[in-house]
Amino acid sequence: MIRAQDEEYIFPANAEETIIVSGMLGDTIVRIGERRAWIESSPCDNKTCVASGFVSKHGQWAACLPNNVLLLIHGAINKEEENVDTIVW
């Protein structure tokens, strides 16, 4: 799931997407691919969100707090493969 201001996006974990999310400071670019997601770039000063790397398991998240963008992995875990059902931000 991706959340920013009043918007919310939900994608399946097997999606291959590049999403431009408008936040308070400007655009944050979120990428989904190979059953993981990450913040590729954001207009914040310190880029902690970019440095946080990949998220791929239920409950993991990355956020650009200055830009008010949240990337969250949500869904049931497949115990055999430890994969998730959806990627949300």
Protein backbone atom coordinates (compact mmCIF):
# COMPACT_ATOMS: atom_id res chain seq x y z
CA MET A 1 0.00 0.00 0.00
CA ILE A 2 1.18 3.52 -0.72
CA ARG A 3 -0.31 6.46 1.17
CA ALA A 4 0.27 10.13 0.52
CA GLN A 5 -1.96 12.91 1.79
CA ASP A 6 -5.50 11.82 0.78
CA GLU A 7 -4.47 9.13 -1.73
CA GLU A 8 -3.94 5.39 -1.32
CA TYR A 9 -2.72 2.87 -3.89
CA ILE A 10 -2.76 -0.92 -3.65
CA PHE A 11 -0.90 -3.28 -5.99
CA PRO A 12 -0.45 -7.05 -6.07
CA ALA A 13 2.99 -8.22 -4.93
CA ASN A 14 3.79 -9.53 -8.42
CA ALA A 15 3.25 -6.10 -10.04
CA GLU A 16 5.97 -4.40 -12.06
CA GLU A 17 5.26 -0.70 -11.56
CA THR A 18 6.84 2.71 -11.23
CA ILE A 19 4.54 5.04 -9.33
CA ILE A 20 4.91 8.80 -8.97
CA VAL A 21 3.32 9.86 -5.69
CA SER A 22 2.66 13.55 -5.01
CA GLY A 23 3.55 14.58 -1.48
CA MET A 24 3.88 17.79 0.48
CA LEU A 25 7.36 18.59 -0.94
CA GLY A 26 6.92 17.19 -4.44
CA ASP A 27 7.04 13.82 -6.17
CA THR A 28 8.29 10.59 -4.59
CA ILE A 29 9.03 7.73 -6.98
CA VAL A 30 8.14 4.25 -5.72
CA ARG A 31 9.13 1.11 -7.64
CA ILE A 32 7.61 -2.37 -7.40
CA GLY A 33 9.31 -5.38 -8.99
CA GLU A 34 10.48 -8.91 -8.26
CA ARG A 35 8.00 -9.15 -5.34
CA ARG A 36 9.54 -6.22 -3.47
CA ALA A 37 9.11 -2.45 -3.35
CA TRP A 38 11.33 0.53 -2.63
CA ILE A 39 11.44 4.30 -2.67
CA GLU A 40 13.67 5.17 -5.60
CA SER A 41 13.77 8.95 -5.14
CA SER A 42 12.13 11.70 -3.14
CA PRO A 43 12.50 15.48 -2.78
CA CYS A 44 13.41 15.36 0.93
CA ASP A 45 16.81 16.63 2.12
CA ASN A 46 18.31 13.61 3.87
CA LYS A 47 17.07 10.75 1.59
CA THR A 48 16.65 8.32 4.53
CA CYS A 49 13.65 6.88 2.70
CA VAL A 50 15.80 5.99 -0.33
CA ALA A 51 18.54 4.55 1.88
CA SER A 52 16.03 2.29 3.66
CA GLY A 53 16.16 -0.09 0.69
CA PHE A 54 13.79 -2.87 -0.29
CA VAL A 55 10.69 -4.00 1.60
CA SER A 56 9.17 -7.37 0.75
CA LYS A 57 7.57 -9.01 3.79
CA HIS A 58 4.32 -8.42 5.65
CA GLY A 59 4.66 -5.52 8.08
CA GLN A 60 7.79 -4.01 6.52
CA TRP A 61 7.59 -0.36 5.54
CA ALA A 62 9.53 2.59 4.21
CA ALA A 63 8.48 6.21 4.52
CA CYS A 64 9.44 9.69 3.48
CA LEU A 65 8.21 11.56 6.53
CA PRO A 66 9.00 15.07 5.23
CA ASN A 67 7.01 14.32 2.06
CA ASN A 68 4.24 12.43 3.93
CA VAL A 69 4.58 9.23 1.84
CA LEU A 70 4.26 5.73 3.33
CA LEU A 71 5.08 2.43 1.60
CA LEU A 72 3.73 -0.61 3.49
CA ILE A 73 3.72 -4.34 2.75
CA HIS A 74 0.36 -5.74 3.75
CA GLY A 75 -1.21 -9.15 3.31
CA ALA A 76 -1.05 -12.78 4.31
CA ILE A 77 2.32 -14.49 4.24
CA ASN A 78 2.74 -17.62 2.16
CA LYS A 79 4.65 -19.68 4.73
CA GLU A 80 6.31 -21.93 2.13
CA GLU A 81 7.76 -19.05 0.11
CA GLU A 82 7.50 -16.25 2.71
CA ASN A 83 5.91 -13.97 0.12
CA VAL A 84 3.09 -11.49 0.54
CA ASP A 85 -0.20 -11.09 -1.27
CA THR A 86 -0.18 -7.33 -1.83
CA ILE A 87 2.02 -4.29 -1.81
CA VAL A 88 0.32 -1.18 -0.53
CA TRP A 89 1.37 2.42 -0.19
